[in-house]
């Protein structure tokens, strides 16, 4: 009886391993289907959002379209279809793991713990967490949140960083999670919370694109470091290399400057020194 159990267990391990090994890589899937699936965020301008025709656009989207160009060159297939799949802060990594998307193109912070779930490309952008509030009741810093309510998007690094900062300050501020940045700024506008915390560049994008933007203001300084990157499935070094090659090519040719101006020029005219350093470091030779 014991021998039968052992034999069954060994066979289960053997065949499950064979099944895993037989799974197609991302590049093989694209070659077979003629399709690449881009995961995007609907309401995070200028990184990833919908235009007036409900088409995904933004800085991260443009980077990912450059990845698509590299895939077409490698496969010598000019007619690959790009399918856009909306994701949220809560389900974006599951979408990659469950093979619902091939690459995540939003405002995703690269962290070591997340790298246990997915693989990240070279850095695509750097920013930091900030606070948005009404000019009439400005919140100057995290320490100013005492006795206040602050909204933050659930399952983000900003949520974790904000809670950590409040705990360190022994603040009694109440943290309220929301589903999206759009919901966060609306909560401030409607007086449901005193501030909304997110990555600074996302907050700037929200202010510029939101009606009645002149009523909002940011705090004095960021309170975290948020290095953005594109994300792909874990242990798929072949596809990650293609994405890294696209990012490096943009930096080497200087075309990344035009991409920056397209999506950030109306907010911040000069490339910040830290981001400029990232672009320089990304210019890895072939």
C-alpha atoms as a PDB file:
ATOM      1  CA  UNK A   1       0.000   0.000   0.000  1.00  0.00           C
ATOM      2  CA  UNK A   2       2.823   2.388   0.969  1.00  0.00           C
ATOM      3  CA  UNK A   3       4.681   1.556  -2.240  1.00  0.00           C
ATOM      4  CA  UNK A   4       1.579   2.470  -4.227  1.00  0.00           C
ATOM      5  CA  UNK A   5       1.293   5.818  -2.487  1.00  0.00           C
ATOM      6  CA  UNK A   6       4.956   6.599  -3.095  1.00  0.00           C
ATOM      7  CA  UNK A   7       4.647   5.606  -6.764  1.00  0.00           C
ATOM      8  CA  UNK A   8       1.549   7.786  -7.185  1.00  0.00           C
ATOM      9  CA  UNK A   9       3.276  10.747  -5.511  1.00  0.00           C
ATOM     10  CA  UNK A  10       6.368  10.427  -7.710  1.00  0.00           C
ATOM     11  CA  UNK A  11       4.266  10.203 -10.865  1.00  0.00           C
ATOM     12  CA  UNK A  12       2.257  13.276  -9.820  1.00  0.00           C
ATOM     13  CA  UNK A  13       5.451  15.272  -9.333  1.00  0.00           C
ATOM     14  CA  UNK A  14       6.869  13.978 -12.620  1.00  0.00           C
ATOM     15  CA  UNK A  15       3.850  14.871 -14.713  1.00  0.00           C
ATOM     16  CA  UNK A  16       3.234  18.215 -13.013  1.00  0.00           C
ATOM     17  CA  UNK A  17       6.843  19.110 -13.757  1.00  0.00           C
ATOM     18  CA  UNK A  18       6.420  18.051 -17.373  1.00  0.00           C
ATOM     19  CA  UNK A  19       3.283  20.169 -17.634  1.00  0.00           C
ATOM     20  CA  UNK A  20       5.107  23.166 -16.229  1.00  0.00           C
ATOM     21  CA  UNK A  21       8.007  22.678 -18.623  1.00  0.00           C
ATOM     22  CA  UNK A  22       5.678  22.470 -21.601  1.00  0.00           C
ATOM     23  CA  UNK A  23       4.159  25.908 -20.949  1.00  0.00           C
ATOM     24  CA  UNK A  24       4.994  28.348 -23.705  1.00  0.00           C
ATOM     25  CA  UNK A  25       7.165  31.344 -22.993  1.00  0.00           C
ATOM     26  CA  UNK A  26       5.650  34.786 -23.554  1.00  0.00           C
ATOM     27  CA  UNK A  27       7.460  35.133 -26.882  1.00  0.00           C
ATOM     28  CA  UNK A  28       6.283  31.701 -28.038  1.00  0.00           C
ATOM     29  CA  UNK A  29       2.696  32.599 -27.113  1.00  0.00           C
ATOM     30  CA  UNK A  30       2.912  35.843 -29.087  1.00  0.00           C
ATOM     31  CA  UNK A  31       4.353  33.982 -32.069  1.00  0.00           C
ATOM     32  CA  UNK A  32       1.519  31.439 -31.980  1.00  0.00           C
ATOM     33  CA  UNK A  33      -1.363  33.835 -31.381  1.00  0.00           C
ATOM     34  CA  UNK A  34      -0.106  36.925 -33.206  1.00  0.00           C
ATOM     35  CA  UNK A  35      -1.200  38.962 -30.170  1.00  0.00           C
ATOM     36  CA  UNK A  36       0.482  40.788 -27.291  1.00  0.00           C
ATOM     37  CA  UNK A  37      -1.637  41.772 -24.286  1.00  0.00           C
ATOM     38  CA  UNK A  38      -0.817  45.016 -22.488  1.00  0.00           C
ATOM     39  CA  UNK A  39      -2.123  45.532 -18.969  1.00  0.00           C
ATOM     40  CA  UNK A  40      -2.936  49.190 -18.305  1.00  0.00           C
ATOM     41  CA  UNK A  41      -4.539  51.483 -15.709  1.00  0.00           C
ATOM     42  CA  UNK A  42      -7.579  53.555 -16.696  1.00  0.00           C
ATOM     43  CA  UNK A  43      -7.126  56.607 -14.472  1.00  0.00           C
ATOM     44  CA  UNK A  44      -3.470  57.345 -13.803  1.00  0.00           C
ATOM     45  CA  UNK A  45      -2.442  60.229 -16.057  1.00  0.00           C
ATOM     46  CA  UNK A  46       0.122  60.827 -17.397  1.00  0.00           C
ATOM     47  CA  UNK A  47       1.455  57.265 -16.962  1.00  0.00           C
ATOM     48  CA  UNK A  48      -1.530  55.230 -18.130  1.00  0.00           C
ATOM     49  CA  UNK A  49      -5.063  56.458 -18.805  1.00  0.00           C
ATOM     50  CA  UNK A  50      -7.859  56.639 -21.377  1.00  0.00           C
ATOM     51  CA  UNK A  51      -8.146  59.439 -23.917  1.00  0.00           C
ATOM     52  CA  UNK A  52     -11.420  61.011 -25.074  1.00  0.00           C
ATOM     53  CA  UNK A  53     -11.950  58.043 -27.412  1.00  0.00           C
ATOM     54  CA  UNK A  54     -11.392  55.558 -24.574  1.00  0.00           C
ATOM     55  CA  UNK A  55      -8.030  54.465 -25.997  1.00  0.00           C
ATOM     56  CA  UNK A  56      -5.174  53.723 -23.561  1.00  0.00           C
ATOM     57  CA  UNK A  57      -2.406  56.330 -23.750  1.00  0.00           C
ATOM     58  CA  UNK A  58       0.405  57.628 -21.550  1.00  0.00           C
ATOM     59  CA  UNK A  59       4.106  57.470 -20.795  1.00  0.00           C
ATOM     60  CA  UNK A  60       4.136  53.792 -19.784  1.00  0.00           C
ATOM     61  CA  UNK A  61       1.903  52.858 -22.704  1.00  0.00           C
ATOM     62  CA  UNK A  62       4.370  54.458 -25.116  1.00  0.00           C
ATOM     63  CA  UNK A  63       7.244  52.534 -23.531  1.00  0.00           C
ATOM     64  CA  UNK A  64       5.316  49.306 -23.951  1.00  0.00           C
ATOM     65  CA  UNK A  65       4.558  50.077 -27.589  1.00  0.00           C
ATOM     66  CA  UNK A  66       8.315  50.354 -28.073  1.00  0.00           C
ATOM     67  CA  UNK A  67       8.588  46.860 -26.566  1.00  0.00           C
ATOM     68  CA  UNK A  68       6.038  45.696 -29.143  1.00  0.00           C
ATOM     69  CA  UNK A  69       8.262  47.156 -31.885  1.00  0.00           C
ATOM     70  CA  UNK A  70      11.189  45.078 -30.608  1.00  0.00           C
ATOM     71  CA  UNK A  71       9.037  41.937 -30.589  1.00  0.00           C
ATOM     72  CA  UNK A  72       8.000  42.570 -34.192  1.00  0.00           C
ATOM     73  CA  UNK A  73      11.638  43.007 -35.219  1.00  0.00           C
ATOM     74  CA  UNK A  74      12.743  39.834 -33.449  1.00  0.00           C
ATOM     75  CA  UNK A  75       9.892  37.686 -34.781  1.00  0.00           C
ATOM     76  CA  UNK A  76       9.986  39.378 -38.198  1.00  0.00           C
ATOM     77  CA  UNK A  77       6.218  39.728 -37.882  1.00  0.00           C
ATOM     78  CA  UNK A  78       4.892  43.243 -38.545  1.00  0.00           C
ATOM     79  CA  UNK A  79       1.231  42.371 -37.964  1.00  0.00           C
ATOM     80  CA  UNK A  80       1.139  41.575 -34.250  1.00  0.00           C
ATOM     81  CA  UNK A  81      -2.140  42.683 -32.658  1.00  0.00           C
ATOM     82  CA  UNK A  82      -1.979  44.761 -29.482  1.00  0.00           C
ATOM     83  CA  UNK A  83      -4.797  43.971 -27.054  1.00  0.00           C
ATOM     84  CA  UNK A  84      -5.276  46.287 -24.075  1.00  0.00           C
ATOM     85  CA  UNK A  85      -6.470  44.717 -20.826  1.00  0.00           C
ATOM     86  CA  UNK A  86      -7.530  47.019 -17.945  1.00  0.00           C
ATOM     87  CA  UNK A  87      -6.125  46.124 -14.530  1.00  0.00           C
ATOM     88  CA  UNK A  88      -6.371  47.577 -11.037  1.00  0.00           C
ATOM     89  CA  UNK A  89      -3.870  48.041  -8.231  1.00  0.00           C
ATOM     90  CA  UNK A  90      -5.286  44.915  -6.591  1.00  0.00           C
ATOM     91  CA  UNK A  91      -5.314  42.504  -9.545  1.00  0.00           C
ATOM     92  CA  UNK A  92      -2.427  43.685 -11.763  1.00  0.00           C
ATOM     93  CA  UNK A  93       0.128  41.121 -10.566  1.00  0.00           C
ATOM     94  CA  UNK A  94      -2.401  38.289 -10.623  1.00  0.00           C
ATOM     95  CA  UNK A  95      -3.165  39.235 -14.228  1.00  0.00           C
ATOM     96  CA  UNK A  96       0.486  38.590 -15.094  1.00  0.00           C
ATOM     97  CA  UNK A  97       0.805  35.418 -13.037  1.00  0.00           C
ATOM     98  CA  UNK A  98      -2.465  33.989 -14.419  1.00  0.00           C
ATOM     99  CA  UNK A  99      -1.365  34.745 -18.000  1.00  0.00           C
ATOM    100  CA  UNK A 100      -4.109  37.283 -18.683  1.00  0.00           C
ATOM    101  CA  UNK A 101      -1.587  39.915 -19.782  1.00  0.00           C
ATOM    102  CA  UNK A 102       1.958  39.756 -21.139  1.00  0.00           C
ATOM    103  CA  UNK A 103       3.345  43.026 -19.795  1.00  0.00           C
ATOM    104  CA  UNK A 104       2.191  45.504 -17.157  1.00  0.00           C
ATOM    105  CA  UNK A 105       2.303  49.128 -18.277  1.00  0.00           C
ATOM    106  CA  UNK A 106       1.129  51.476 -15.565  1.00  0.00           C
ATOM    107  CA  UNK A 107       2.650  53.211 -12.547  1.00  0.00           C
ATOM    108  CA  UNK A 108       4.136  50.183 -10.850  1.00  0.00           C
ATOM    109  CA  UNK A 109       6.815  50.567  -8.196  1.00  0.00           C
ATOM    110  CA  UNK A 110       9.622  48.017  -8.386  1.00  0.00           C
ATOM    111  CA  UNK A 111      10.219  46.407  -4.981  1.00  0.00           C
ATOM    112  CA  UNK A 112      12.127  43.368  -3.770  1.00  0.00           C
ATOM    113  CA  UNK A 113       9.013  41.707  -2.341  1.00  0.00           C
ATOM    114  CA  UNK A 114       7.119  42.160  -5.598  1.00  0.00           C
ATOM    115  CA  UNK A 115      10.085  40.639  -7.415  1.00  0.00           C
ATOM    116  CA  UNK A 116       9.178  37.369  -5.692  1.00  0.00           C
ATOM    117  CA  UNK A 117       5.965  37.401  -7.763  1.00  0.00           C
ATOM    118  CA  UNK A 118       6.951  38.965 -11.102  1.00  0.00           C
ATOM    119  CA  UNK A 119      10.037  40.196 -12.942  1.00  0.00           C
ATOM    120  CA  UNK A 120      10.752  43.869 -13.536  1.00  0.00           C
ATOM    121  CA  UNK A 121      12.556  45.646 -16.333  1.00  0.00           C
ATOM    122  CA  UNK A 122      15.091  48.406 -15.905  1.00  0.00           C
ATOM    123  CA  UNK A 123      13.635  51.457 -14.183  1.00  0.00           C
ATOM    124  CA  UNK A 124      11.283  53.464 -16.367  1.00  0.00           C
ATOM    125  CA  UNK A 125      10.666  56.433 -14.052  1.00  0.00           C
ATOM    126  CA  UNK A 126      11.316  57.692 -10.515  1.00  0.00           C
ATOM    127  CA  UNK A 127       8.998  59.682  -8.297  1.00  0.00           C
ATOM    128  CA  UNK A 128       7.860  59.808  -4.664  1.00  0.00           C
ATOM    129  CA  UNK A 129       4.678  59.775  -2.596  1.00  0.00           C
ATOM    130  CA  UNK A 130       2.992  63.123  -1.964  1.00  0.00           C
ATOM    131  CA  UNK A 131      -0.222  64.557  -0.515  1.00  0.00           C
ATOM    132  CA  UNK A 132      -2.972  66.373  -2.418  1.00  0.00           C
ATOM    133  CA  UNK A 133      -5.399  68.607  -0.564  1.00  0.00           C
ATOM    134  CA  UNK A 134      -7.615  71.636  -1.066  1.00  0.00           C
ATOM    135  CA  UNK A 135      -5.838  75.009  -1.083  1.00  0.00           C
ATOM    136  CA  UNK A 136      -8.348  76.244   1.475  1.00  0.00           C
ATOM    137  CA  UNK A 137      -7.292  73.484   3.896  1.00  0.00           C
ATOM    138  CA  UNK A 138      -3.750  72.677   2.798  1.00  0.00           C
ATOM    139  CA  UNK A 139      -1.934  69.696   4.267  1.00  0.00           C
ATOM    140  CA  UNK A 140       1.745  70.670   4.239  1.00  0.00           C
ATOM    141  CA  UNK A 141       3.222  67.300   5.255  1.00  0.00           C
ATOM    142  CA  UNK A 142       2.467  63.866   6.681  1.00  0.00           C
ATOM    143  CA  UNK A 143       2.931  65.282  10.177  1.00  0.00           C
ATOM    144  CA  UNK A 144       0.073  67.709   9.418  1.00  0.00           C
ATOM    145  CA  UNK A 145      -2.374  64.788   9.117  1.00  0.00           C
ATOM    146  CA  UNK A 146      -3.019  64.608  12.868  1.00  0.00           C
ATOM    147  CA  UNK A 147      -6.785  64.299  13.508  1.00  0.00           C
ATOM    148  CA  UNK A 148      -7.315  64.185   9.705  1.00  0.00           C
ATOM    149  CA  UNK A 149      -8.596  61.668   7.177  1.00  0.00           C
ATOM    150  CA  UNK A 150      -6.365  60.665   4.263  1.00  0.00           C
ATOM    151  CA  UNK A 151      -7.284  58.514   1.273  1.00  0.00           C
ATOM    152  CA  UNK A 152      -4.898  56.195  -0.551  1.00  0.00           C
ATOM    153  CA  UNK A 153      -5.335  53.578  -3.278  1.00  0.00           C
ATOM    154  CA  UNK A 154      -5.551  50.082  -1.787  1.00  0.00           C
ATOM    155  CA  UNK A 155      -2.717  47.571  -2.370  1.00  0.00           C
ATOM    156  CA  UNK A 156      -0.098  50.135  -3.397  1.00  0.00           C
ATOM    157  CA  UNK A 157       3.361  50.907  -2.055  1.00  0.00           C
ATOM    158  CA  UNK A 158       2.044  54.362  -1.139  1.00  0.00           C
ATOM    159  CA  UNK A 159      -0.500  52.761   1.200  1.00  0.00           C
ATOM    160  CA  UNK A 160       2.258  50.828   2.995  1.00  0.00           C
ATOM    161  CA  UNK A 161       4.637  53.823   3.106  1.00  0.00           C
ATOM    162  CA  UNK A 162       1.934  56.201   4.359  1.00  0.00           C
ATOM    163  CA  UNK A 163       0.841  53.860   7.154  1.00  0.00           C
ATOM    164  CA  UNK A 164       4.468  53.338   8.154  1.00  0.00           C
ATOM    165  CA  UNK A 165       5.105  57.091   8.252  1.00  0.00           C
ATOM    166  CA  UNK A 166       1.986  57.726  10.335  1.00  0.00           C
ATOM    167  CA  UNK A 167       2.942  54.954  12.760  1.00  0.00           C
ATOM    168  CA  UNK A 168       6.452  56.388  13.112  1.00  0.00           C
ATOM    169  CA  UNK A 169       4.955  59.808  13.893  1.00  0.00           C
ATOM    170  CA  UNK A 170       2.421  58.239  16.258  1.00  0.00           C
ATOM    171  CA  UNK A 171      -0.269  60.057  14.296  1.00  0.00           C
ATOM    172  CA  UNK A 172      -3.943  59.360  14.834  1.00  0.00           C
ATOM    173  CA  UNK A 173      -4.799  60.141  11.206  1.00  0.00           C
ATOM    174  CA  UNK A 174      -7.424  57.833   9.724  1.00  0.00           C
ATOM    175  CA  UNK A 175      -6.404  56.092   6.497  1.00  0.00           C
ATOM    176  CA  UNK A 176      -9.245  55.368   4.068  1.00  0.00           C
ATOM    177  CA  UNK A 177      -8.524  53.122   1.083  1.00  0.00           C
ATOM    178  CA  UNK A 178     -10.051  53.835  -2.326  1.00  0.00           C
ATOM    179  CA  UNK A 179     -10.107  51.856  -5.570  1.00  0.00           C
ATOM    180  CA  UNK A 180      -8.503  54.439  -7.850  1.00  0.00           C
ATOM    181  CA  UNK A 181      -6.712  57.792  -7.988  1.00  0.00           C
ATOM    182  CA  UNK A 182      -9.811  59.302  -9.589  1.00  0.00           C
ATOM    183  CA  UNK A 183     -11.846  58.224  -6.568  1.00  0.00           C
ATOM    184  CA  UNK A 184      -9.188  59.673  -4.272  1.00  0.00           C
ATOM    185  CA  UNK A 185      -9.225  63.193  -5.702  1.00  0.00           C
ATOM    186  CA  UNK A 186     -13.035  63.133  -5.759  1.00  0.00           C
ATOM    187  CA  UNK A 187     -13.065  62.265  -2.041  1.00  0.00           C
ATOM    188  CA  UNK A 188     -10.928  65.353  -1.346  1.00  0.00           C
ATOM    189  CA  UNK A 189     -13.131  67.533  -3.524  1.00  0.00           C
ATOM    190  CA  UNK A 190     -16.308  66.297  -1.795  1.00  0.00           C
ATOM    191  CA  UNK A 191     -14.849  66.839   1.676  1.00  0.00           C
ATOM    192  CA  UNK A 192     -14.933  63.144   2.592  1.00  0.00           C
ATOM    193  CA  UNK A 193     -11.203  63.206   3.357  1.00  0.00           C
ATOM    194  CA  UNK A 194      -8.674  65.944   4.044  1.00  0.00           C
ATOM    195  CA  UNK A 195      -6.005  64.638   1.693  1.00  0.00           C
ATOM    196  CA  UNK A 196      -5.242  62.013  -0.919  1.00  0.00           C
ATOM    197  CA  UNK A 197      -1.836  60.353  -1.078  1.00  0.00           C
ATOM    198  CA  UNK A 198      -0.298  58.920  -4.234  1.00  0.00           C
ATOM    199  CA  UNK A 199       2.842  59.164  -6.357  1.00  0.00           C
ATOM    200  CA  UNK A 200       3.594  62.821  -6.985  1.00  0.00           C
ATOM    201  CA  UNK A 201       3.559  62.546 -10.782  1.00  0.00           C
ATOM    202  CA  UNK A 202       0.122  60.869 -10.631  1.00  0.00           C
ATOM    203  CA  UNK A 203      -1.186  63.675  -8.416  1.00  0.00           C
ATOM    204  CA  UNK A 204       0.173  66.306 -10.818  1.00  0.00           C
ATOM    205  CA  UNK A 205      -1.517  64.524 -13.709  1.00  0.00           C
ATOM    206  CA  UNK A 206      -4.795  64.395 -11.780  1.00  0.00           C
ATOM    207  CA  UNK A 207      -4.699  68.102 -10.947  1.00  0.00           C
ATOM    208  CA  UNK A 208      -4.019  69.121 -14.545  1.00  0.00           C
ATOM    209  CA  UNK A 209      -6.748  66.906 -16.023  1.00  0.00           C
ATOM    210  CA  UNK A 210      -9.390  67.438 -13.316  1.00  0.00           C
ATOM    211  CA  UNK A 211     -12.070  70.115 -13.675  1.00  0.00           C
ATOM    212  CA  UNK A 212     -11.605  72.845 -11.105  1.00  0.00           C
ATOM    213  CA  UNK A 213      -7.923  71.983 -10.780  1.00  0.00           C
ATOM    214  CA  UNK A 214      -7.088  75.391  -9.306  1.00  0.00           C
ATOM    215  CA  UNK A 215      -8.626  74.374  -5.985  1.00  0.00           C
ATOM    216  CA  UNK A 216      -5.988  71.691  -5.282  1.00  0.00           C
ATOM    217  CA  UNK A 217      -2.419  71.893  -4.000  1.00  0.00           C
ATOM    218  CA  UNK A 218       0.391  69.462  -3.130  1.00  0.00           C
ATOM    219  CA  UNK A 219       2.391  69.245   0.091  1.00  0.00           C
ATOM    220  CA  UNK A 220       5.890  70.666   0.541  1.00  0.00           C
ATOM    221  CA  UNK A 221       7.855  67.509  -0.277  1.00  0.00           C
ATOM    222  CA  UNK A 222       7.605  63.818  -1.156  1.00  0.00           C
ATOM    223  CA  UNK A 223       7.944  61.302   1.665  1.00  0.00           C
ATOM    224  CA  UNK A 224       9.096  58.185  -0.206  1.00  0.00           C
ATOM    225  CA  UNK A 225      11.149  56.902  -3.132  1.00  0.00           C
ATOM    226  CA  UNK A 226       9.099  55.201  -5.868  1.00  0.00           C
ATOM    227  CA  UNK A 227      11.118  53.610  -8.696  1.00  0.00           C
ATOM    228  CA  UNK A 228       8.756  52.631 -11.533  1.00  0.00           C
ATOM    229  CA  UNK A 229       9.335  49.754 -13.956  1.00  0.00           C
ATOM    230  CA  UNK A 230       7.417  47.628 -16.428  1.00  0.00           C
ATOM    231  CA  UNK A 231       6.578  44.131 -15.175  1.00  0.00           C
ATOM    232  CA  UNK A 232       6.596  40.758 -16.956  1.00  0.00           C
ATOM    233  CA  UNK A 233       6.105  37.163 -15.861  1.00  0.00           C
ATOM    234  CA  UNK A 234       8.719  35.787 -13.499  1.00  0.00           C
ATOM    235  CA  UNK A 235      11.575  33.705 -14.883  1.00  0.00           C
ATOM    236  CA  UNK A 236      10.901  34.740 -18.481  1.00  0.00           C
ATOM    237  CA  UNK A 237      14.330  36.229 -19.115  1.00  0.00           C
ATOM    238  CA  UNK A 238      13.876  36.128 -22.892  1.00  0.00           C
ATOM    239  CA  UNK A 239      10.901  38.496 -22.876  1.00  0.00           C
ATOM    240  CA  UNK A 240      12.352  40.673 -20.111  1.00  0.00           C
ATOM    241  CA  UNK A 241      15.471  41.141 -22.243  1.00  0.00           C
ATOM    242  CA  UNK A 242      13.303  42.350 -25.145  1.00  0.00           C
ATOM    243  CA  UNK A 243      11.662  44.916 -22.844  1.00  0.00           C
ATOM    244  CA  UNK A 244      15.038  46.006 -21.453  1.00  0.00           C
ATOM    245  CA  UNK A 245      16.389  46.333 -24.993  1.00  0.00           C
ATOM    246  CA  UNK A 246      13.518  48.671 -25.909  1.00  0.00           C
ATOM    247  CA  UNK A 247      14.138  50.845 -22.837  1.00  0.00           C
ATOM    248  CA  UNK A 248      17.896  50.948 -23.455  1.00  0.00           C
ATOM    249  CA  UNK A 249      17.419  51.851 -27.108  1.00  0.00           C
ATOM    250  CA  UNK A 250      15.212  54.817 -26.149  1.00  0.00           C
ATOM    251  CA  UNK A 251      17.925  56.081 -23.792  1.00  0.00           C
ATOM    252  CA  UNK A 252      20.857  55.444 -26.139  1.00  0.00           C
ATOM    253  CA  UNK A 253      19.217  57.254 -29.043  1.00  0.00           C
ATOM    254  CA  UNK A 254      17.986  60.110 -26.869  1.00  0.00           C
ATOM    255  CA  UNK A 255      14.392  59.415 -27.946  1.00  0.00           C
ATOM    256  CA  UNK A 256      13.388  59.013 -24.310  1.00  0.00           C
ATOM    257  CA  UNK A 257      13.649  62.815 -24.012  1.00  0.00           C
ATOM    258  CA  UNK A 258      10.849  63.260 -26.550  1.00  0.00           C
ATOM    259  CA  UNK A 259       8.742  60.622 -24.787  1.00  0.00           C
ATOM    260  CA  UNK A 260       9.218  62.551 -21.544  1.00  0.00           C
ATOM    261  CA  UNK A 261       8.285  65.884 -23.171  1.00  0.00           C
ATOM    262  CA  UNK A 262       5.158  64.358 -24.714  1.00  0.00           C
ATOM    263  CA  UNK A 263       3.740  63.193 -21.393  1.00  0.00           C
ATOM    264  CA  UNK A 264       5.357  65.433 -18.766  1.00  0.00           C
ATOM    265  CA  UNK A 265       6.272  68.605 -20.649  1.00  0.00           C
ATOM    266  CA  UNK A 266       3.088  70.385 -19.616  1.00  0.00           C
ATOM    267  CA  UNK A 267       3.733  69.572 -15.927  1.00  0.00           C
ATOM    268  CA  UNK A 268       7.526  69.640 -15.508  1.00  0.00           C
ATOM    269  CA  UNK A 269       9.485  71.160 -18.403  1.00  0.00           C
ATOM    270  CA  UNK A 270      12.970  70.076 -17.296  1.00  0.00           C
ATOM    271  CA  UNK A 271      13.866  66.431 -16.706  1.00  0.00           C
ATOM    272  CA  UNK A 272      14.608  66.075 -12.950  1.00  0.00           C
ATOM    273  CA  UNK A 273      18.261  65.256 -12.217  1.00  0.00           C
ATOM    274  CA  UNK A 274      17.476  61.872 -10.624  1.00  0.00           C
ATOM    275  CA  UNK A 275      15.350  60.800 -13.595  1.00  0.00           C
ATOM    276  CA  UNK A 276      18.049  62.058 -15.955  1.00  0.00           C
ATOM    277  CA  UNK A 277      20.515  59.808 -14.142  1.00  0.00           C
ATOM    278  CA  UNK A 278      18.160  56.845 -14.610  1.00  0.00           C
ATOM    279  CA  UNK A 279      17.942  57.563 -18.342  1.00  0.00           C
ATOM    280  CA  UNK A 280      21.743  57.742 -18.531  1.00  0.00           C
ATOM    281  CA  UNK A 281      22.190  54.444 -16.675  1.00  0.00           C
ATOM    282  CA  UNK A 282      19.597  52.782 -18.914  1.00  0.00           C
ATOM    283  CA  UNK A 283      21.663  53.513 -22.048  1.00  0.00           C
ATOM    284  CA  UNK A 284      23.229  50.059 -21.947  1.00  0.00           C
ATOM    285  CA  UNK A 285      25.086  49.161 -25.185  1.00  0.00           C
ATOM    286  CA  UNK A 286      24.113  46.188 -27.340  1.00  0.00           C
END
